[in-house]
Amino acid sequence: MAILLETESCNALNTRHSTATLLTKSIKRAEEAVLDGISALDVDDLPSEKLLLRTIEGIISGNGALADPAAEEIEEASAILPFELQNLLRMPRRSRFCYVLRILAGVPSESCGAMLHWDRDQVDKCISAAMFNLAGQAGTYCDWQERQLAFLF
C-alpha cells in the first residue's frame, strides 16, 4: 500500500511539474512553482487534489512567472517535453495558459475562467484560437486571433 501511495505521489508531482513547465516555459520556474504549491498546501489537503490548484494559483498570481524566461530556459524546457507538447511553448501566453489549464489539465471551463479572471465565453474563444494554431492551419500563430483575444487582458 505504501509503495502504491508513493507511486501516486510521484506521478502527481511529475504531472504538476509538466503543467508548470508548460505555463512558465522554464524548468527552474516550474520547480519553484511546484515547491510554492506544496508550501501552500494545508495539512488536511490531499496533495494530488490541491497541488495543481496551488501551483497554478502561484504561477498566475505572479512571482515573475508571467514574463517570458530567457531563450536558453525555453530551449531547456522544450528538451524535456514530448515532441507533441513542444509547440505549446511557442504559443502566446493567453492561448498557452488557457489550453494547458482547460485541455491538458482538465480544469472545467468555469474553474479555468475563475483562475484567469475570465468568463466561460472568453475561455472558449481562447481555446478555439489555441486549437486552431496548434492544428497548424495557419502555419504560424494567427495574429488576428490574438488581437481578438486582446480584450481578455
Protein backbone atom coordinates (compact mmCIF):
# COMPACT_ATOMS: atom_id res chain seq x y z
CA MET A 1 0.00 0.00 0.00
CA ALA A 2 2.83 2.42 0.87
CA ILE A 3 4.50 1.77 -2.49
CA LEU A 4 1.24 2.50 -4.31
CA LEU A 5 0.82 5.80 -2.46
CA GLU A 6 4.44 6.72 -3.15
CA THR A 7 3.98 5.96 -6.87
CA GLU A 8 0.79 8.03 -7.00
CA SER A 9 2.58 10.92 -5.27
CA CYS A 10 5.46 10.76 -7.76
CA ASN A 11 3.04 10.69 -10.69
CA ALA A 12 1.14 13.65 -9.26
CA LEU A 13 4.35 15.63 -8.84
CA ASN A 14 5.51 14.80 -12.37
CA THR A 15 2.17 15.88 -13.82
CA ARG A 16 2.19 19.11 -11.82
CA HIS A 17 5.77 19.84 -12.84
CA SER A 18 4.98 19.26 -16.54
CA THR A 19 1.96 21.54 -16.27
CA ALA A 20 4.03 24.20 -14.53
CA THR A 21 6.76 23.88 -17.17
CA LEU A 22 4.23 24.48 -19.94
CA LEU A 23 2.82 27.51 -18.13
CA THR A 24 6.13 29.11 -17.17
CA LYS A 25 8.22 27.93 -20.16
CA SER A 26 11.03 27.19 -17.71
CA ILE A 27 12.13 24.14 -15.72
CA LYS A 28 13.52 26.30 -12.92
CA ARG A 29 10.36 28.39 -12.63
CA ALA A 30 8.24 25.24 -12.78
CA GLU A 31 10.20 23.71 -9.90
CA GLU A 32 9.78 26.88 -7.88
CA ALA A 33 6.05 26.96 -8.63
CA VAL A 34 5.55 23.34 -7.57
CA LEU A 35 7.54 23.92 -4.37
CA ASP A 36 5.44 27.02 -3.67
CA GLY A 37 2.34 24.92 -4.34
CA ILE A 38 3.50 22.31 -1.85
CA SER A 39 4.22 25.02 0.72
CA ALA A 40 0.73 26.44 0.24
CA LEU A 41 -0.98 23.12 0.94
CA ASP A 42 -2.93 22.85 4.15
CA VAL A 43 -2.23 19.94 6.45
CA ASP A 44 -5.66 18.47 5.64
CA ASP A 45 -5.24 18.77 1.86
CA LEU A 46 -4.66 15.67 -0.20
CA PRO A 47 -1.62 16.55 -2.33
CA SER A 48 -2.90 15.11 -5.58
CA GLU A 49 -6.16 17.07 -5.30
CA LYS A 50 -4.87 20.50 -4.30
CA LEU A 51 -1.28 20.63 -5.54
CA LEU A 52 -2.20 21.51 -9.13
CA LEU A 53 -4.55 24.26 -7.97
CA ARG A 54 -1.98 25.75 -5.56
CA THR A 55 0.77 25.57 -8.22
CA ILE A 56 -1.37 27.25 -10.87
CA GLU A 57 -2.53 29.93 -8.45
CA GLY A 58 1.09 30.73 -7.66
CA ILE A 59 2.03 30.98 -11.33
CA ILE A 60 -0.94 33.14 -12.26
CA SER A 61 -0.55 35.44 -9.27
CA GLY A 62 2.90 36.36 -10.44
CA ASN A 63 6.26 35.94 -8.82
CA GLY A 64 7.84 36.76 -12.20
CA ALA A 65 6.46 33.64 -13.86
CA LEU A 66 4.36 35.59 -16.34
CA ALA A 67 7.33 37.24 -18.04
CA ASP A 68 8.99 35.05 -20.65
CA PRO A 69 12.22 33.47 -19.47
CA ALA A 70 15.48 33.66 -21.40
CA ALA A 71 15.69 31.73 -24.68
CA GLU A 72 18.04 29.19 -23.08
CA GLU A 73 15.47 28.37 -20.40
CA ILE A 74 12.77 27.88 -23.03
CA GLU A 75 15.05 25.56 -25.03
CA GLU A 76 15.83 23.59 -21.88
CA ALA A 77 12.12 23.26 -21.09
CA SER A 78 11.38 22.22 -24.65
CA ALA A 79 14.02 19.50 -24.49
CA ILE A 80 12.32 17.68 -21.59
CA LEU A 81 8.83 17.83 -23.10
CA PRO A 82 7.41 15.28 -25.51
CA PHE A 83 7.53 16.45 -29.12
CA GLU A 84 3.74 16.88 -29.18
CA LEU A 85 3.88 19.47 -26.40
CA GLN A 86 6.88 21.50 -27.55
CA ASN A 87 4.80 23.78 -29.80
CA LEU A 88 2.86 24.93 -26.75
CA LEU A 89 5.94 26.84 -25.62
CA ARG A 90 5.75 28.90 -28.81
CA MET A 91 2.15 29.90 -28.19
CA PRO A 92 1.25 33.34 -26.89
CA ARG A 93 0.74 33.35 -23.12
CA ARG A 94 -3.05 33.76 -23.21
CA SER A 95 -3.59 30.82 -25.53
CA ARG A 96 -0.99 28.67 -23.77
CA PHE A 97 -2.43 29.21 -20.30
CA CYS A 98 -5.95 28.53 -21.47
CA TYR A 99 -5.00 25.42 -23.46
CA VAL A 100 -2.83 23.91 -20.73
CA LEU A 101 -5.38 24.51 -17.98
CA ARG A 102 -8.51 23.60 -19.89
CA ILE A 103 -7.37 20.84 -22.26
CA LEU A 104 -4.29 19.24 -20.72
CA ALA A 105 -5.02 19.69 -17.01
CA GLY A 106 -8.75 19.13 -17.50
CA VAL A 107 -9.79 22.15 -15.48
CA PRO A 108 -13.52 22.83 -16.13
CA SER A 109 -14.33 25.99 -18.13
CA GLU A 110 -15.84 27.75 -15.13
CA SER A 111 -12.87 26.98 -12.89
CA CYS A 112 -10.40 27.90 -15.62
CA GLY A 113 -12.24 31.18 -16.11
CA ALA A 114 -12.18 31.87 -12.38
CA MET A 115 -8.43 31.24 -12.21
CA LEU A 116 -7.79 33.54 -15.16
CA HIS A 117 -10.49 36.06 -14.17
CA TRP A 118 -12.45 35.47 -17.39
CA ASP A 119 -15.97 34.33 -18.16
CA ARG A 120 -16.69 30.99 -19.84
CA ASP A 121 -17.17 32.57 -23.29
CA GLN A 122 -13.70 34.14 -23.12
CA VAL A 123 -12.18 30.78 -22.16
CA ASP A 124 -13.97 29.04 -25.03
CA LYS A 125 -12.81 31.63 -27.56
CA CYS A 126 -9.25 31.37 -26.33
CA ILE A 127 -9.34 27.56 -26.54
CA SER A 128 -10.65 27.78 -30.10
CA ALA A 129 -7.82 30.10 -31.10
CA ALA A 130 -5.24 27.88 -29.41
CA MET A 131 -6.53 24.73 -31.09
CA PHE A 132 -6.61 26.45 -34.45
CA ASN A 133 -3.00 27.50 -34.02
CA LEU A 134 -1.85 24.10 -32.80
CA ALA A 135 -3.54 22.39 -35.72
CA GLY A 136 -1.18 24.32 -37.95
CA GLN A 137 -3.96 25.59 -40.21
CA ALA A 138 -2.32 28.99 -40.36
CA GLY A 139 1.31 27.86 -40.41
CA THR A 140 2.15 30.37 -37.67
CA TYR A 141 0.10 31.69 -34.81
CA CYS A 142 -2.71 33.88 -36.02
CA ASP A 143 -2.13 37.50 -35.14
CA TRP A 144 -5.74 38.37 -35.88
CA GLN A 145 -7.00 35.83 -33.36
CA GLU A 146 -4.62 37.13 -30.73
CA ARG A 147 -5.85 40.67 -31.40
CA GLN A 148 -9.41 39.44 -30.99
CA LEU A 149 -8.40 37.95 -27.64
CA ALA A 150 -6.66 41.13 -26.53
CA PHE A 151 -9.87 42.31 -24.88
CA LEU A 152 -9.43 39.49 -22.38
CA PHE A 153 -6.46 41.16 -20.75
